[in-house]
Amino acid sequence: MKDYNIQLKVRNNLLLEKMRSLGHETAASLSRASGVSQTDIGAYLNLKKAPISIVGVSPTALKLCDTLFCELEDIFPDQHLYIGLDNNKAEVTVSENEVCGILGGAEPDGLIESSEEKQALFAAIESLTGREKYVVEKRHGINDSGVGATLVDIAKDMDISIGRVRQIEAKAIRKMRSPSSEIRQYLYDKT
């Protein structure tokens, strides 16, 4: 049994930093200055709403850019210009060693400490189809420079839509999380 529960929340740091640099510490402050509702600002901060849709750029996103004296690309990560997150929260249980690694500023590779875990991860990736493997490796920087590619970049590489890349990635992750996957079996055996 793991001793610690960590709750993670992904937020739009580009927008947060720009807000703070101009003295807006809260969504309410930015809402008063821009005329954009706190609800919309919250959705942008939590990456749940994309500023660009098939009908064009959102007027609320343009108001934020005017208020913050910047372009969309300055306050939204490339991978979220067109697609918002369905869920920006996660919970994981970890051991004391894993907590120390995370809080101690360990390198991302240090979070997968044992070679057995790495082997299980790579075995799970190998069980994917060619397209799934390509998307997962590119998206998460595996077997590359360690820097993940955006959905847009992968879609261009594969000459398919961004939505299709997202579907392929989601299916691959579901496969890797399935009870029969190598990585899941390894982690189950350890508990």
Protein backbone atom coordinates (compact mmCIF):
# COMPACT_ATOMS: atom_id res chain seq x y z
CA MET A 1 0.00 0.00 0.00
CA LYS A 2 1.23 3.48 -0.87
CA ASP A 3 1.43 6.04 1.93
CA TYR A 4 0.67 9.30 0.14
CA ASN A 5 -2.07 10.69 -2.07
CA ILE A 6 -1.09 13.50 -4.42
CA GLN A 7 -3.69 15.64 -6.14
CA LEU A 8 -2.58 17.28 -9.37
CA LYS A 9 -4.26 20.17 -11.14
CA VAL A 10 -3.10 21.39 -14.53
CA ARG A 11 -3.48 25.13 -15.09
CA ASN A 12 -2.56 27.56 -17.85
CA ASN A 13 0.71 28.99 -16.56
CA LEU A 14 1.15 31.29 -19.55
CA LEU A 15 -2.09 33.08 -18.70
CA LEU A 16 -1.36 33.05 -14.95
CA GLU A 17 2.09 34.59 -15.42
CA LYS A 18 0.80 37.27 -17.79
CA MET A 19 -2.03 38.15 -15.40
CA ARG A 20 0.33 38.40 -12.44
CA SER A 21 2.88 40.46 -14.36
CA LEU A 22 0.18 43.08 -14.89
CA GLY A 23 -1.06 42.99 -11.29
CA HIS A 24 -4.08 40.69 -11.70
CA GLU A 25 -3.70 38.09 -8.95
CA THR A 26 -7.21 36.64 -9.35
CA ALA A 27 -9.72 35.85 -12.06
CA ALA A 28 -12.03 38.42 -10.44
CA SER A 29 -9.44 41.17 -10.90
CA LEU A 30 -8.90 40.25 -14.55
CA SER A 31 -12.67 40.00 -15.05
CA ARG A 32 -13.18 43.56 -13.79
CA ALA A 33 -10.41 44.88 -16.04
CA SER A 34 -11.41 42.99 -19.19
CA GLY A 35 -15.18 42.65 -18.97
CA VAL A 36 -14.82 38.87 -19.48
CA SER A 37 -16.80 36.76 -17.03
CA GLN A 38 -14.97 34.99 -14.20
CA THR A 39 -16.46 31.73 -15.48
CA ASP A 40 -14.79 32.16 -18.88
CA ILE A 41 -11.50 33.22 -17.30
CA GLY A 42 -11.67 30.18 -15.01
CA ALA A 43 -12.26 27.92 -18.02
CA TYR A 44 -9.21 29.43 -19.77
CA LEU A 45 -7.07 29.15 -16.62
CA ASN A 46 -8.07 25.49 -16.20
CA LEU A 47 -7.53 24.84 -19.94
CA LYS A 48 -11.09 23.56 -20.25
CA LYS A 49 -11.99 26.06 -22.98
CA ALA A 50 -9.97 26.61 -26.15
CA PRO A 51 -9.73 30.15 -27.50
CA ILE A 52 -10.16 29.05 -31.14
CA SER A 53 -13.03 26.95 -32.47
CA ILE A 54 -14.28 26.07 -35.93
CA VAL A 55 -16.18 29.37 -36.02
CA GLY A 56 -13.06 31.39 -35.25
CA VAL A 57 -11.37 33.11 -32.34
CA SER A 58 -13.52 33.59 -29.26
CA PRO A 59 -14.39 37.25 -28.58
CA THR A 60 -13.67 36.67 -24.89
CA ALA A 61 -10.16 35.45 -25.71
CA LEU A 62 -9.60 38.54 -27.85
CA LYS A 63 -10.76 40.77 -24.96
CA LEU A 64 -8.22 39.06 -22.69
CA CYS A 65 -5.47 39.64 -25.25
CA ASP A 66 -6.40 43.33 -25.47
CA THR A 67 -6.45 43.67 -21.68
CA LEU A 68 -3.15 41.81 -21.25
CA PHE A 69 -1.48 43.50 -24.26
CA CYS A 70 -0.52 40.24 -25.93
CA GLU A 71 -1.33 37.69 -28.65
CA LEU A 72 -3.22 34.41 -28.14
CA GLU A 73 0.01 32.43 -28.47
CA ASP A 74 1.43 34.39 -25.51
CA ILE A 75 -1.26 33.22 -23.09
CA PHE A 76 -2.28 29.77 -24.41
CA PRO A 77 -0.09 26.69 -24.90
CA ASP A 78 0.05 25.66 -28.57
CA GLN A 79 -1.59 22.32 -27.84
CA HIS A 80 -4.62 24.08 -26.28
CA LEU A 81 -5.32 26.79 -28.85
CA TYR A 82 -7.95 24.56 -30.49
CA ILE A 83 -8.73 21.89 -27.91
CA GLY A 84 -9.59 22.21 -24.23
CA LEU A 85 -9.04 19.58 -21.57
CA ASP A 86 -11.94 17.36 -20.53
CA ASN A 87 -10.41 17.00 -17.08
CA ASN A 88 -7.51 18.94 -15.60
CA LYS A 89 -7.30 17.07 -12.28
CA ALA A 90 -5.78 13.74 -11.26
CA GLU A 91 -4.99 11.82 -8.10
CA VAL A 92 -2.14 9.39 -7.65
CA THR A 93 -0.91 7.37 -4.71
CA VAL A 94 2.82 7.23 -4.20
CA SER A 95 5.42 5.88 -1.81
CA GLU A 96 7.69 7.95 0.41
CA ASN A 97 10.58 7.54 -2.05
CA GLU A 98 8.42 8.79 -4.91
CA VAL A 99 7.33 11.82 -2.87
CA CYS A 100 10.96 12.63 -2.09
CA GLY A 101 11.81 12.32 -5.78
CA ILE A 102 8.99 14.64 -6.80
CA LEU A 103 9.58 17.23 -4.08
CA GLY A 104 13.34 16.97 -4.37
CA GLY A 105 13.23 18.16 -7.97
CA ALA A 106 14.25 14.85 -9.52
CA GLU A 107 14.57 14.70 -13.29
CA PRO A 108 11.50 13.25 -15.07
CA ASP A 109 13.47 10.09 -15.88
CA GLY A 110 14.16 9.75 -12.15
CA LEU A 111 10.47 9.25 -11.49
CA ILE A 112 10.71 5.87 -13.21
CA GLU A 113 13.36 4.60 -10.86
CA SER A 114 13.86 0.95 -11.61
CA SER A 115 14.85 -0.64 -14.87
CA GLU A 116 11.99 -3.11 -14.33
CA GLU A 117 9.47 -0.26 -14.49
CA LYS A 118 11.11 1.10 -17.64
CA GLN A 119 11.02 -2.35 -19.21
CA ALA A 120 7.33 -2.72 -18.34
CA LEU A 121 6.58 0.71 -19.82
CA PHE A 122 8.41 -0.06 -23.05
CA ALA A 123 6.77 -3.49 -23.26
CA ALA A 124 3.35 -1.83 -22.90
CA ILE A 125 4.26 0.63 -25.67
CA GLU A 126 5.44 -2.22 -27.89
CA SER A 127 2.01 -3.84 -27.55
CA LEU A 128 0.41 -0.86 -29.33
CA THR A 129 -0.28 -0.63 -33.04
CA GLY A 130 2.20 1.31 -35.17
CA ARG A 131 0.08 4.47 -35.23
CA GLU A 132 -0.65 4.32 -31.49
CA LYS A 133 3.02 3.77 -30.69
CA TYR A 134 4.07 6.68 -32.93
CA VAL A 135 1.54 9.06 -31.33
CA VAL A 136 2.36 8.06 -27.72
CA GLU A 137 6.12 8.27 -28.27
CA LYS A 138 5.91 11.63 -30.07
CA ARG A 139 3.36 13.13 -27.67
CA HIS A 140 5.32 12.19 -24.55
CA GLY A 141 8.87 12.57 -25.89
CA ILE A 142 9.72 8.89 -25.54
CA ASN A 143 12.71 7.75 -27.65
CA ASP A 144 13.24 11.37 -28.69
CA SER A 145 14.64 14.48 -27.11
CA GLY A 146 12.40 14.00 -24.08
CA VAL A 147 10.20 16.88 -25.22
CA GLY A 148 6.68 15.95 -26.23
CA ALA A 149 5.18 17.17 -29.50
CA THR A 150 1.90 19.04 -29.74
CA LEU A 151 -1.26 17.50 -31.18
CA VAL A 152 -0.98 19.99 -34.04
CA ASP A 153 2.57 18.88 -34.90
CA ILE A 154 1.68 15.20 -34.81
CA ALA A 155 -1.43 15.82 -36.94
CA LYS A 156 0.73 17.56 -39.54
CA ASP A 157 3.31 14.75 -39.47
CA MET A 158 0.65 12.09 -39.94
CA ASP A 159 -1.55 14.16 -42.28
CA ILE A 160 -4.64 13.58 -40.13
CA SER A 161 -6.86 15.82 -38.01
CA ILE A 162 -5.99 16.96 -34.50
CA GLY A 163 -9.12 15.22 -33.23
CA ARG A 164 -7.99 11.94 -34.77
CA VAL A 165 -4.58 12.24 -33.08
CA ARG A 166 -6.36 12.78 -29.76
CA GLN A 167 -8.51 9.67 -30.38
CA ILE A 168 -5.47 7.54 -31.20
CA GLU A 169 -3.65 8.75 -28.08
CA ALA A 170 -6.68 8.13 -25.85
CA LYS A 171 -7.14 4.60 -27.21
CA ALA A 172 -3.44 3.82 -26.72
CA ILE A 173 -3.52 5.04 -23.12
CA ARG A 174 -6.64 2.98 -22.43
CA LYS A 175 -4.83 -0.08 -23.79
CA MET A 176 -1.80 0.62 -21.62
CA ARG A 177 -4.02 1.03 -18.56
CA SER A 178 -5.95 -2.17 -19.22
CA PRO A 179 -5.53 -4.94 -16.64
CA SER A 180 -3.66 -7.09 -19.16
CA SER A 181 -1.01 -4.50 -20.07
CA GLU A 182 2.62 -5.04 -19.08
CA ILE A 183 2.94 -1.82 -17.08
CA ARG A 184 -0.35 -2.39 -15.24
CA GLN A 185 0.68 -5.97 -14.38
CA TYR A 186 4.03 -4.76 -13.08
CA LEU A 187 2.50 -2.04 -10.91
CA TYR A 188 -0.19 -4.43 -9.62
CA ASP A 189 2.42 -7.01 -8.65
CA LYS A 190 4.32 -4.37 -6.62
CA THR A 191 1.35 -3.48 -4.37
